Amino acid sequence: GETVIAIGNPFGFSHTVTTGVISALNRSIRTEDRVYHHFIQTDASIN
């Protein structure tokens, strides 16, 4: 629930700022070839 800030270059738009909150902790993500564990989940817009 605490506020977080993401800064990046989505679609080439440099230094774009988005905000949100921490939605969950210790999330696991499955990709095509492996599983990543203990990720931070956020609703800050990430593209």
ModelCIF file with pLDDT and N, C-alpha, C, O atoms, coordinates in Angstrom:
data_MODEL
#
_entry.id   MODEL 
#
_entity.id                         1 
_entity.type                       polymer 
_entity.pdbx_number_of_molecules   1 
#
_entity_poly.entity_id                      1 
_entity_poly.type                           'polypeptide(L)' 
_entity_poly.nstd_linkage                   no 
_entity_poly.nstd_monomer                   no 
_entity_poly.pdbx_seq_one_letter_code       GETVIAIGNPFGFSHTVTTGVISALNRSIRTEDRVYHHFIQTDASIN 
_entity_poly.pdbx_seq_one_letter_code_can   GETVIAIGNPFGFSHTVTTGVISALNRSIRTEDRVYHHFIQTDASIN 
_entity_poly.pdbx_strand_id                 A 
#
loop_
_entity_poly_seq.entity_id 
_entity_poly_seq.num 
_entity_poly_seq.mon_id 
_entity_poly_seq.hetero 
1 1  GLY n 
1 2  GLU n 
1 3  THR n 
1 4  VAL n 
1 5  ILE n 
1 6  ALA n 
1 7  ILE n 
1 8  GLY n 
1 9  ASN n 
1 10 PRO n 
1 11 PHE n 
1 12 GLY n 
1 13 PHE n 
1 14 SER n 
1 15 HIS n 
1 16 THR n 
1 17 VAL n 
1 18 THR n 
1 19 THR n 
1 20 GLY n 
1 21 VAL n 
1 22 ILE n 
1 23 SER n 
1 24 ALA n 
1 25 LEU n 
1 26 ASN n 
1 27 ARG n 
1 28 SER n 
1 29 ILE n 
1 30 ARG n 
1 31 THR n 
1 32 GLU n 
1 33 ASP n 
1 34 ARG n 
1 35 VAL n 
1 36 TYR n 
1 37 HIS n 
1 38 HIS n 
1 39 PHE n 
1 40 ILE n 
1 41 GLN n 
1 42 THR n 
1 43 ASP n 
1 44 ALA n 
1 45 SER n 
1 46 ILE n 
1 47 ASN n 
#
_struct_asym.id          A 
_struct_asym.entity_id   1 
#
loop_
_ma_qa_metric.id 
_ma_qa_metric.mode 
_ma_qa_metric.name 
_ma_qa_metric.software_group_id 
_ma_qa_metric.type 
1 global pLDDT . pLDDT 
2 local  pLDDT . pLDDT 
#
_ma_qa_metric_global.metric_id      1 
_ma_qa_metric_global.metric_value   85.87 
_ma_qa_metric_global.model_id       1 
_ma_qa_metric_global.ordinal_id     1 
#
loop_
_ma_qa_metric_local.label_asym_id 
_ma_qa_metric_local.label_comp_id 
_ma_qa_metric_local.label_seq_id 
_ma_qa_metric_local.metric_id 
_ma_qa_metric_local.metric_value 
_ma_qa_metric_local.model_id 
_ma_qa_metric_local.ordinal_id 
A GLY 1  2 96.00 1 1  
A GLU 2  2 96.00 1 2  
A THR 3  2 96.00 1 3  
A VAL 4  2 97.00 1 4  
A ILE 5  2 96.00 1 5  
A ALA 6  2 95.00 1 6  
A ILE 7  2 95.00 1 7  
A GLY 8  2 91.00 1 8  
A ASN 9  2 87.00 1 9  
A PRO 10 2 81.00 1 10 
A PHE 11 2 75.00 1 11 
A GLY 12 2 73.00 1 12 
A PHE 13 2 78.00 1 13 
A SER 14 2 83.00 1 14 
A HIS 15 2 88.00 1 15 
A THR 16 2 91.00 1 16 
A VAL 17 2 94.00 1 17 
A THR 18 2 93.00 1 18 
A THR 19 2 95.00 1 19 
A GLY 20 2 95.00 1 20 
A VAL 21 2 96.00 1 21 
A ILE 22 2 96.00 1 22 
A SER 23 2 95.00 1 23 
A ALA 24 2 94.00 1 24 
A LEU 25 2 93.00 1 25 
A ASN 26 2 86.00 1 26 
A ARG 27 2 87.00 1 27 
A SER 28 2 79.00 1 28 
A ILE 29 2 78.00 1 29 
A ARG 30 2 73.00 1 30 
A THR 31 2 68.00 1 31 
A GLU 32 2 64.00 1 32 
A ASP 33 2 61.00 1 33 
A ARG 34 2 65.00 1 34 
A VAL 35 2 69.00 1 35 
A TYR 36 2 75.00 1 36 
A HIS 37 2 75.00 1 37 
A HIS 38 2 82.00 1 38 
A PHE 39 2 91.00 1 39 
A ILE 40 2 94.00 1 40 
A GLN 41 2 94.00 1 41 
A THR 42 2 94.00 1 42 
A ASP 43 2 92.00 1 43 
A ALA 44 2 91.00 1 44 
A SER 45 2 85.00 1 45 
A ILE 46 2 84.00 1 46 
A ASN 47 2 80.00 1 47 
#
loop_
_atom_site.group_PDB 
_atom_site.id 
_atom_site.type_symbol 
_atom_site.label_atom_id 
_atom_site.label_alt_id 
_atom_site.label_comp_id 
_atom_site.label_asym_id 
_atom_site.label_entity_id 
_atom_site.label_seq_id 
_atom_site.pdbx_PDB_ins_code 
_atom_site.Cartn_x 
_atom_site.Cartn_y 
_atom_site.Cartn_z 
_atom_site.occupancy 
_atom_site.B_iso_or_equiv 
_atom_site.pdbx_formal_charge 
_atom_site.auth_seq_id 
_atom_site.auth_comp_id 
_atom_site.auth_asym_id 
_atom_site.auth_atom_id 
_atom_site.pdbx_PDB_model_num 
ATOM 1   N N  . GLY A 1 1  ? 0.793  -1.221  0.000   1.00 96.00 ? 1  GLY A N  1 
ATOM 2   C CA . GLY A 1 1  ? 0.000  0.000   0.000   1.00 96.00 ? 1  GLY A CA 1 
ATOM 3   C C  . GLY A 1 1  ? 0.823  1.269   0.000   1.00 96.00 ? 1  GLY A C  1 
ATOM 4   O O  . GLY A 1 1  ? 0.277  2.346   -0.237  1.00 96.00 ? 1  GLY A O  1 
ATOM 5   N N  . GLU A 1 2  ? 2.143  1.181   0.262   1.00 96.00 ? 2  GLU A N  1 
ATOM 6   C CA . GLU A 1 2  ? 2.940  2.408   0.267   1.00 96.00 ? 2  GLU A CA 1 
ATOM 7   C C  . GLU A 1 2  ? 3.193  2.901   -1.151  1.00 96.00 ? 2  GLU A C  1 
ATOM 8   O O  . GLU A 1 2  ? 3.229  2.117   -2.099  1.00 96.00 ? 2  GLU A O  1 
ATOM 9   N N  . THR A 1 3  ? 3.367  4.207   -1.280  1.00 96.00 ? 3  THR A N  1 
ATOM 10  C CA . THR A 1 3  ? 3.536  4.846   -2.584  1.00 96.00 ? 3  THR A CA 1 
ATOM 11  C C  . THR A 1 3  ? 4.903  4.523   -3.176  1.00 96.00 ? 3  THR A C  1 
ATOM 12  O O  . THR A 1 3  ? 5.919  4.552   -2.482  1.00 96.00 ? 3  THR A O  1 
ATOM 13  N N  . VAL A 1 4  ? 4.909  4.216   -4.468  1.00 97.00 ? 4  VAL A N  1 
ATOM 14  C CA . VAL A 1 4  ? 6.161  3.981   -5.190  1.00 97.00 ? 4  VAL A CA 1 
ATOM 15  C C  . VAL A 1 4  ? 6.151  4.784   -6.491  1.00 97.00 ? 4  VAL A C  1 
ATOM 16  O O  . VAL A 1 4  ? 5.105  5.205   -6.984  1.00 97.00 ? 4  VAL A O  1 
ATOM 17  N N  . ILE A 1 5  ? 7.357  4.978   -7.024  1.00 96.00 ? 5  ILE A N  1 
ATOM 18  C CA . ILE A 1 5  ? 7.550  5.806   -8.217  1.00 96.00 ? 5  ILE A CA 1 
ATOM 19  C C  . ILE A 1 5  ? 8.386  5.022   -9.209  1.00 96.00 ? 5  ILE A C  1 
ATOM 20  O O  . ILE A 1 5  ? 9.418  4.459   -8.844  1.00 96.00 ? 5  ILE A O  1 
ATOM 21  N N  . ALA A 1 6  ? 7.955  4.980   -10.452 1.00 95.00 ? 6  ALA A N  1 
ATOM 22  C CA . ALA A 1 6  ? 8.734  4.340   -11.533 1.00 95.00 ? 6  ALA A CA 1 
ATOM 23  C C  . ALA A 1 6  ? 9.183  5.409   -12.515 1.00 95.00 ? 6  ALA A C  1 
ATOM 24  O O  . ALA A 1 6  ? 8.399  6.275   -12.905 1.00 95.00 ? 6  ALA A O  1 
ATOM 25  N N  . ILE A 1 7  ? 10.453 5.343   -12.913 1.00 95.00 ? 7  ILE A N  1 
ATOM 26  C CA . ILE A 1 7  ? 10.990 6.249   -13.931 1.00 95.00 ? 7  ILE A CA 1 
ATOM 27  C C  . ILE A 1 7  ? 11.615 5.397   -15.018 1.00 95.00 ? 7  ILE A C  1 
ATOM 28  O O  . ILE A 1 7  ? 12.354 4.459   -14.721 1.00 95.00 ? 7  ILE A O  1 
ATOM 29  N N  . GLY A 1 8  ? 11.328 5.710   -16.274 1.00 91.00 ? 8  GLY A N  1 
ATOM 30  C CA . GLY A 1 8  ? 11.898 4.925   -17.367 1.00 91.00 ? 8  GLY A CA 1 
ATOM 31  C C  . GLY A 1 8  ? 11.642 5.555   -18.710 1.00 91.00 ? 8  GLY A C  1 
ATOM 32  O O  . GLY A 1 8  ? 11.298 6.732   -18.815 1.00 91.00 ? 8  GLY A O  1 
ATOM 33  N N  . ASN A 1 9  ? 11.816 4.749   -19.732 1.00 87.00 ? 9  ASN A N  1 
ATOM 34  C CA . ASN A 1 9  ? 11.727 5.227   -21.109 1.00 87.00 ? 9  ASN A CA 1 
ATOM 35  C C  . ASN A 1 9  ? 10.734 4.395   -21.914 1.00 87.00 ? 9  ASN A C  1 
ATOM 36  O O  . ASN A 1 9  ? 11.116 3.794   -22.918 1.00 87.00 ? 9  ASN A O  1 
ATOM 37  N N  . PRO A 1 10 ? 9.467  4.345   -21.499 1.00 81.00 ? 10 PRO A N  1 
ATOM 38  C CA . PRO A 1 10 ? 8.498  3.518   -22.226 1.00 81.00 ? 10 PRO A CA 1 
ATOM 39  C C  . PRO A 1 10 ? 8.281  4.022   -23.639 1.00 81.00 ? 10 PRO A C  1 
ATOM 40  O O  . PRO A 1 10 ? 8.048  5.211   -23.858 1.00 81.00 ? 10 PRO A O  1 
ATOM 41  N N  . PHE A 1 11 ? 8.362  3.104   -24.599 1.00 75.00 ? 11 PHE A N  1 
ATOM 42  C CA . PHE A 1 11 ? 8.142  3.421   -26.013 1.00 75.00 ? 11 PHE A CA 1 
ATOM 43  C C  . PHE A 1 11 ? 9.072  4.540   -26.504 1.00 75.00 ? 11 PHE A C  1 
ATOM 44  O O  . PHE A 1 11 ? 8.748  5.257   -27.451 1.00 75.00 ? 11 PHE A O  1 
ATOM 45  N N  . GLY A 1 12 ? 10.241 4.680   -25.841 1.00 73.00 ? 12 GLY A N  1 
ATOM 46  C CA . GLY A 1 12 ? 11.197 5.694   -26.264 1.00 73.00 ? 12 GLY A CA 1 
ATOM 47  C C  . GLY A 1 12 ? 10.947 7.073   -25.693 1.00 73.00 ? 12 GLY A C  1 
ATOM 48  O O  . GLY A 1 12 ? 11.730 7.986   -25.956 1.00 73.00 ? 12 GLY A O  1 
ATOM 49  N N  . PHE A 1 13 ? 9.869  7.266   -24.907 1.00 78.00 ? 13 PHE A N  1 
ATOM 50  C CA . PHE A 1 13 ? 9.604  8.557   -24.269 1.00 78.00 ? 13 PHE A CA 1 
ATOM 51  C C  . PHE A 1 13 ? 10.461 8.655   -23.009 1.00 78.00 ? 13 PHE A C  1 
ATOM 52  O O  . PHE A 1 13 ? 10.142 8.054   -21.983 1.00 78.00 ? 13 PHE A O  1 
ATOM 53  N N  . SER A 1 14 ? 11.550 9.417   -23.095 1.00 83.00 ? 14 SER A N  1 
ATOM 54  C CA . SER A 1 14 ? 12.561 9.400   -22.042 1.00 83.00 ? 14 SER A CA 1 
ATOM 55  C C  . SER A 1 14 ? 12.058 10.018  -20.746 1.00 83.00 ? 14 SER A C  1 
ATOM 56  O O  . SER A 1 14 ? 11.276 10.968  -20.740 1.00 83.00 ? 14 SER A O  1 
ATOM 57  N N  . HIS A 1 15 ? 12.535 9.447   -19.660 1.00 88.00 ? 15 HIS A N  1 
ATOM 58  C CA . HIS A 1 15 ? 12.283 9.935   -18.310 1.00 88.00 ? 15 HIS A CA 1 
ATOM 59  C C  . HIS A 1 15 ? 10.799 10.167  -18.035 1.00 88.00 ? 15 HIS A C  1 
ATOM 60  O O  . HIS A 1 15 ? 10.393 11.230  -17.568 1.00 88.00 ? 15 HIS A O  1 
ATOM 61  N N  . THR A 1 16 ? 10.006 9.144   -18.338 1.00 91.00 ? 16 THR A N  1 
ATOM 62  C CA . THR A 1 16 ? 8.588  9.176   -18.013 1.00 91.00 ? 16 THR A CA 1 
ATOM 63  C C  . THR A 1 16 ? 8.397  8.724   -16.565 1.00 91.00 ? 16 THR A C  1 
ATOM 64  O O  . THR A 1 16 ? 8.969  7.720   -16.139 1.00 91.00 ? 16 THR A O  1 
ATOM 65  N N  . VAL A 1 17 ? 7.597  9.468   -15.823 1.00 94.00 ? 17 VAL A N  1 
ATOM 66  C CA . VAL A 1 17 ? 7.363  9.184   -14.408 1.00 94.00 ? 17 VAL A CA 1 
ATOM 67  C C  . VAL A 1 17 ? 5.942  8.664   -14.221 1.00 94.00 ? 17 VAL A C  1 
ATOM 68  O O  . VAL A 1 17 ? 4.987  9.259   -14.719 1.00 94.00 ? 17 VAL A O  1 
ATOM 69  N N  . THR A 1 18 ? 5.809  7.557   -13.507 1.00 93.00 ? 18 THR A N  1 
ATOM 70  C CA . THR A 1 18 ? 4.498  7.048   -13.115 1.00 93.00 ? 18 THR A CA 1 
ATOM 71  C C  . THR A 1 18 ? 4.535  6.725   -11.632 1.00 93.00 ? 18 THR A C  1 
ATOM 72  O O  . THR A 1 18 ? 5.596  6.443   -11.075 1.00 93.00 ? 18 THR A O  1 
ATOM 73  N N  . THR A 1 19 ? 3.381  6.768   -11.001 1.00 95.00 ? 19 THR A N  1 
ATOM 74  C CA . THR A 1 19 ? 3.299  6.466   -9.572  1.00 95.00 ? 19 THR A CA 1 
ATOM 75  C C  . THR A 1 19 ? 2.226  5.410   -9.325  1.00 95.00 ? 19 THR A C  1 
ATOM 76  O O  . THR A 1 19 ? 1.361  5.163   -10.166 1.00 95.00 ? 19 THR A O  1 
ATOM 77  N N  . GLY A 1 20 ? 2.307  4.803   -8.161  1.00 95.00 ? 20 GLY A N  1 
ATOM 78  C CA . GLY A 1 20 ? 1.333  3.803   -7.760  1.00 95.00 ? 20 GLY A CA 1 
ATOM 79  C C  . GLY A 1 20 ? 1.622  3.369   -6.343  1.00 95.00 ? 20 GLY A C  1 
ATOM 80  O O  . GLY A 1 20 ? 2.211  4.111   -5.557  1.00 95.00 ? 20 GLY A O  1 
ATOM 81  N N  . VAL A 1 21 ? 1.202  2.166   -6.028  1.00 96.00 ? 21 VAL A N  1 
ATOM 82  C CA . VAL A 1 21 ? 1.458  1.618   -4.697  1.00 96.00 ? 21 VAL A CA 1 
ATOM 83  C C  . VAL A 1 21 ? 2.021  0.215   -4.843  1.00 96.00 ? 21 VAL A C  1 
ATOM 84  O O  . VAL A 1 21 ? 1.931  -0.399  -5.907  1.00 96.00 ? 21 VAL A O  1 
ATOM 85  N N  . ILE A 1 22 ? 2.598  -0.278  -3.770  1.00 96.00 ? 22 ILE A N  1 
ATOM 86  C CA . ILE A 1 22 ? 3.004  -1.686  -3.736  1.00 96.00 ? 22 ILE A CA 1 
ATOM 87  C C  . ILE A 1 22 ? 1.748  -2.524  -3.556  1.00 96.00 ? 22 ILE A C  1 
ATOM 88  O O  . ILE A 1 22 ? 1.053  -2.412  -2.547  1.00 96.00 ? 22 ILE A O  1 
ATOM 89  N N  . SER A 1 23 ? 1.469  -3.355  -4.536  1.00 95.00 ? 23 SER A N  1 
ATOM 90  C CA . SER A 1 23 ? 0.254  -4.173  -4.517  1.00 95.00 ? 23 SER A CA 1 
ATOM 91  C C  . SER A 1 23 ? 0.451  -5.479  -3.759  1.00 95.00 ? 23 SER A C  1 
ATOM 92  O O  . SER A 1 23 ? -0.470 -5.966  -3.105  1.00 95.00 ? 23 SER A O  1 
ATOM 93  N N  . ALA A 1 24 ? 1.664  -6.050  -3.848  1.00 94.00 ? 24 ALA A N  1 
ATOM 94  C CA . ALA A 1 24 ? 1.954  -7.319  -3.177  1.00 94.00 ? 24 ALA A CA 1 
ATOM 95  C C  . ALA A 1 24 ? 3.460  -7.516  -3.150  1.00 94.00 ? 24 ALA A C  1 
ATOM 96  O O  . ALA A 1 24 ? 4.197  -6.859  -3.885  1.00 94.00 ? 24 ALA A O  1 
ATOM 97  N N  . LEU A 1 25 ? 3.904  -8.416  -2.305  1.00 93.00 ? 25 LEU A N  1 
ATOM 98  C CA . LEU A 1 25 ? 5.322  -8.754  -2.184  1.00 93.00 ? 25 LEU A CA 1 
ATOM 99  C C  . LEU A 1 25 ? 5.505  -10.248 -2.413  1.00 93.00 ? 25 LEU A C  1 
ATOM 100 O O  . LEU A 1 25 ? 4.563  -11.032 -2.303  1.00 93.00 ? 25 LEU A O  1 
ATOM 101 N N  . ASN A 1 26 ? 6.751  -10.625 -2.737  1.00 86.00 ? 26 ASN A N  1 
ATOM 102 C CA . ASN A 1 26 ? 7.106  -12.044 -2.903  1.00 86.00 ? 26 ASN A CA 1 
ATOM 103 C C  . ASN A 1 26 ? 6.285  -12.748 -3.971  1.00 86.00 ? 26 ASN A C  1 
ATOM 104 O O  . ASN A 1 26 ? 5.886  -13.900 -3.799  1.00 86.00 ? 26 ASN A O  1 
ATOM 105 N N  . ARG A 1 27 ? 6.035  -12.055 -5.070  1.00 87.00 ? 27 ARG A N  1 
ATOM 106 C CA . ARG A 1 27 ? 5.318  -12.658 -6.186  1.00 87.00 ? 27 ARG A CA 1 
ATOM 107 C C  . ARG A 1 27 ? 6.265  -13.507 -7.032  1.00 87.00 ? 27 ARG A C  1 
ATOM 108 O O  . ARG A 1 27 ? 7.452  -13.201 -7.141  1.00 87.00 ? 27 ARG A O  1 
ATOM 109 N N  . SER A 1 28 ? 5.735  -14.573 -7.630  1.00 79.00 ? 28 SER A N  1 
ATOM 110 C CA . SER A 1 28 ? 6.483  -15.410 -8.571  1.00 79.00 ? 28 SER A CA 1 
ATOM 111 C C  . SER A 1 28 ? 5.938  -15.178 -9.974  1.00 79.00 ? 28 SER A C  1 
ATOM 112 O O  . SER A 1 28 ? 4.728  -15.071 -10.168 1.00 79.00 ? 28 SER A O  1 
ATOM 113 N N  . ILE A 1 29 ? 6.844  -15.100 -10.954 1.00 78.00 ? 29 ILE A N  1 
ATOM 114 C CA . ILE A 1 29 ? 6.464  -14.856 -12.342 1.00 78.00 ? 29 ILE A CA 1 
ATOM 115 C C  . ILE A 1 29 ? 7.039  -15.967 -13.197 1.00 78.00 ? 29 ILE A C  1 
ATOM 116 O O  . ILE A 1 29 ? 8.233  -16.259 -13.132 1.00 78.00 ? 29 ILE A O  1 
ATOM 117 N N  . ARG A 1 30 ? 6.189  -16.582 -13.994 1.00 73.00 ? 30 ARG A N  1 
ATOM 118 C CA . ARG A 1 30 ? 6.636  -17.642 -14.901 1.00 73.00 ? 30 ARG A CA 1 
ATOM 119 C C  . ARG A 1 30 ? 6.779  -17.079 -16.308 1.00 73.00 ? 30 ARG A C  1 
ATOM 120 O O  . ARG A 1 30 ? 5.844  -16.480 -16.839 1.00 73.00 ? 30 ARG A O  1 
ATOM 121 N N  . THR A 1 31 ? 7.955  -17.273 -16.915 1.00 68.00 ? 31 THR A N  1 
ATOM 122 C CA . THR A 1 31 ? 8.183  -16.913 -18.309 1.00 68.00 ? 31 THR A CA 1 
ATOM 123 C C  . THR A 1 31 ? 8.294  -18.192 -19.122 1.00 68.00 ? 31 THR A C  1 
ATOM 124 O O  . THR A 1 31 ? 8.009  -19.279 -18.618 1.00 68.00 ? 31 THR A O  1 
ATOM 125 N N  . GLU A 1 32 ? 8.707  -18.066 -20.381 1.00 64.00 ? 32 GLU A N  1 
ATOM 126 C CA . GLU A 1 32 ? 8.771  -19.248 -21.236 1.00 64.00 ? 32 GLU A CA 1 
ATOM 127 C C  . GLU A 1 32 ? 9.777  -20.281 -20.743 1.00 64.00 ? 32 GLU A C  1 
ATOM 128 O O  . GLU A 1 32 ? 9.558  -21.483 -20.890 1.00 64.00 ? 32 GLU A O  1 
ATOM 129 N N  . ASP A 1 33 ? 10.884 -19.813 -20.156 1.00 61.00 ? 33 ASP A N  1 
ATOM 130 C CA . ASP A 1 33 ? 11.948 -20.764 -19.827 1.00 61.00 ? 33 ASP A CA 1 
ATOM 131 C C  . ASP A 1 33 ? 12.332 -20.827 -18.354 1.00 61.00 ? 33 ASP A C  1 
ATOM 132 O O  . ASP A 1 33 ? 13.182 -21.637 -17.985 1.00 61.00 ? 33 ASP A O  1 
ATOM 133 N N  . ARG A 1 34 ? 11.726 -19.987 -17.491 1.00 65.00 ? 34 ARG A N  1 
ATOM 134 C CA . ARG A 1 34 ? 12.083 -20.054 -16.075 1.00 65.00 ? 34 ARG A CA 1 
ATOM 135 C C  . ARG A 1 34 ? 11.029 -19.359 -15.230 1.00 65.00 ? 34 ARG A C  1 
ATOM 136 O O  . ARG A 1 34 ? 10.126 -18.694 -15.738 1.00 65.00 ? 34 ARG A O  1 
ATOM 137 N N  . VAL A 1 35 ? 11.176 -19.537 -13.916 1.00 69.00 ? 35 VAL A N  1 
ATOM 138 C CA . VAL A 1 35 ? 10.292 -18.886 -12.956 1.00 69.00 ? 35 VAL A CA 1 
ATOM 139 C C  . VAL A 1 35 ? 11.141 -17.958 -12.094 1.00 69.00 ? 35 VAL A C  1 
ATOM 140 O O  . VAL A 1 35 ? 12.179 -18.361 -11.569 1.00 69.00 ? 35 VAL A O  1 
ATOM 141 N N  . TYR A 1 36 ? 10.688 -16.707 -11.954 1.00 75.00 ? 36 TYR A N  1 
ATOM 142 C CA . TYR A 1 36 ? 11.355 -15.742 -11.096 1.00 75.00 ? 36 TYR A CA 1 
ATOM 143 C C  . TYR A 1 36 ? 10.555 -15.607 -9.806  1.00 75.00 ? 36 TYR A C  1 
ATOM 144 O O  . TYR A 1 36 ? 9.325  -15.578 -9.828  1.00 75.00 ? 36 TYR A O  1 
ATOM 145 N N  . HIS A 1 37 ? 11.270 -15.525 -8.672  1.00 75.00 ? 37 HIS A N  1 
ATOM 146 C CA . HIS A 1 37 ? 10.598 -15.503 -7.381  1.00 75.00 ? 37 HIS A CA 1 
ATOM 147 C C  . HIS A 1 37 ? 10.854 -14.189 -6.638  1.00 75.00 ? 37 HIS A C  1 
ATOM 148 O O  . HIS A 1 37 ? 11.799 -13.457 -6.930  1.00 75.00 ? 37 HIS A O  1 
ATOM 149 N N  . HIS A 1 38 ? 9.978  -13.920 -5.669  1.00 82.00 ? 38 HIS A N  1 
ATOM 150 C CA . HIS A 1 38 ? 10.142 -12.836 -4.700  1.00 82.00 ? 38 HIS A CA 1 
ATOM 151 C C  . HIS A 1 38 ? 10.130 -11.448 -5.347  1.00 82.00 ? 38 HIS A C  1 
ATOM 152 O O  . HIS A 1 38 ? 10.857 -10.558 -4.909  1.00 82.00 ? 38 HIS A O  1 
ATOM 153 N N  . PHE A 1 39 ? 9.317  -11.260 -6.377  1.00 91.00 ? 39 PHE A N  1 
ATOM 154 C CA . PHE A 1 39 ? 9.203  -9.955  -7.018  1.00 91.00 ? 39 PHE A CA 1 
ATOM 155 C C  . PHE A 1 39 ? 8.266  -9.032  -6.240  1.00 91.00 ? 39 PHE A C  1 
ATOM 156 O O  . PHE A 1 39 ? 7.375  -9.483  -5.519  1.00 91.00 ? 39 PHE A O  1 
ATOM 157 N N  . ILE A 1 40 ? 8.494  -7.725  -6.407  1.00 94.00 ? 40 ILE A N  1 
ATOM 158 C CA . ILE A 1 40 ? 7.578  -6.703  -5.911  1.00 94.00 ? 40 ILE A CA 1 
ATOM 159 C C  . ILE A 1 40 ? 6.515  -6.476  -6.987  1.00 94.00 ? 40 ILE A C  1 
ATOM 160 O O  . ILE A 1 40 ? 6.849  -6.282  -8.156  1.00 94.00 ? 40 ILE A O  1 
ATOM 161 N N  . GLN A 1 41 ? 5.251  -6.499  -6.603  1.00 94.00 ? 41 GLN A N  1 
ATOM 162 C CA . GLN A 1 41 ? 4.177  -6.192  -7.542  1.00 94.00 ? 41 GLN A CA 1 
ATOM 163 C C  . GLN A 1 41 ? 3.673  -4.779  -7.273  1.00 94.00 ? 41 GLN A C  1 
ATOM 164 O O  . GLN A 1 41 ? 3.458  -4.398  -6.122  1.00 94.00 ? 41 GLN A O  1 
ATOM 165 N N  . THR A 1 42 ? 3.486  -4.005  -8.340  1.00 94.00 ? 42 THR A N  1 
ATOM 166 C CA . THR A 1 42 ? 3.019  -2.628  -8.219  1.00 94.00 ? 42 THR A CA 1 
ATOM 167 C C  . THR A 1 42 ? 1.970  -2.326  -9.281  1.00 94.00 ? 42 THR A C  1 
ATOM 168 O O  . THR A 1 42 ? 1.919  -2.974  -10.326 1.00 94.00 ? 42 THR A O  1 
ATOM 169 N N  . ASP A 1 43 ? 1.129  -1.324  -8.992  1.00 92.00 ? 43 ASP A N  1 
ATOM 170 C CA . ASP A 1 43 ? 0.180  -0.893  -10.011 1.00 92.00 ? 43 ASP A CA 1 
ATOM 171 C C  . ASP A 1 43 ? 0.659  0.371   -10.723 1.00 92.00 ? 43 ASP A C  1 
ATOM 172 O O  . ASP A 1 43 ? -0.082 0.948   -11.519 1.00 92.00 ? 43 ASP A O  1 
ATOM 173 N N  . ALA A 1 44 ? 1.902  0.812   -10.445 1.00 91.00 ? 44 ALA A N  1 
ATOM 174 C CA . ALA A 1 44 ? 2.481  1.919   -11.214 1.00 91.00 ? 44 ALA A CA 1 
ATOM 175 C C  . ALA A 1 44 ? 2.598  1.474   -12.664 1.00 91.00 ? 44 ALA A C  1 
ATOM 176 O O  . ALA A 1 44 ? 3.033  0.356   -12.940 1.00 91.00 ? 44 ALA A O  1 
ATOM 177 N N  . SER A 1 45 ? 2.213  2.338   -13.582 1.00 85.00 ? 45 SER A N  1 
ATOM 178 C CA . SER A 1 45 ? 2.198  1.976   -15.001 1.00 85.00 ? 45 SER A CA 1 
ATOM 179 C C  . SER A 1 45 ? 3.606  1.686   -15.492 1.00 85.00 ? 45 SER A C  1 
ATOM 180 O O  . SER A 1 45 ? 4.481  2.550   -15.445 1.00 85.00 ? 45 SER A O  1 
ATOM 181 N N  . ILE A 1 46 ? 3.821  0.448   -15.970 1.00 84.00 ? 46 ILE A N  1 
ATOM 182 C CA . ILE A 1 46 ? 5.121  0.014   -16.485 1.00 84.00 ? 46 ILE A CA 1 
ATOM 183 C C  . ILE A 1 46 ? 4.902  -0.573  -17.867 1.00 84.00 ? 46 ILE A C  1 
ATOM 184 O O  . ILE A 1 46 ? 4.156  -1.538  -18.029 1.00 84.00 ? 46 ILE A O  1 
ATOM 185 N N  . ASN A 1 47 ? 5.551  0.010   -18.857 1.00 80.00 ? 47 ASN A N  1 
ATOM 186 C CA . ASN A 1 47 ? 5.368  -0.379  -20.249 1.00 80.00 ? 47 ASN A CA 1 
ATOM 187 C C  . ASN A 1 47 ? 6.704  -0.781  -20.860 1.00 80.00 ? 47 ASN A C  1 
ATOM 188 O O  . ASN A 1 47 ? 6.762  -1.143  -22.035 1.00 80.00 ? 47 ASN A O  1 
#
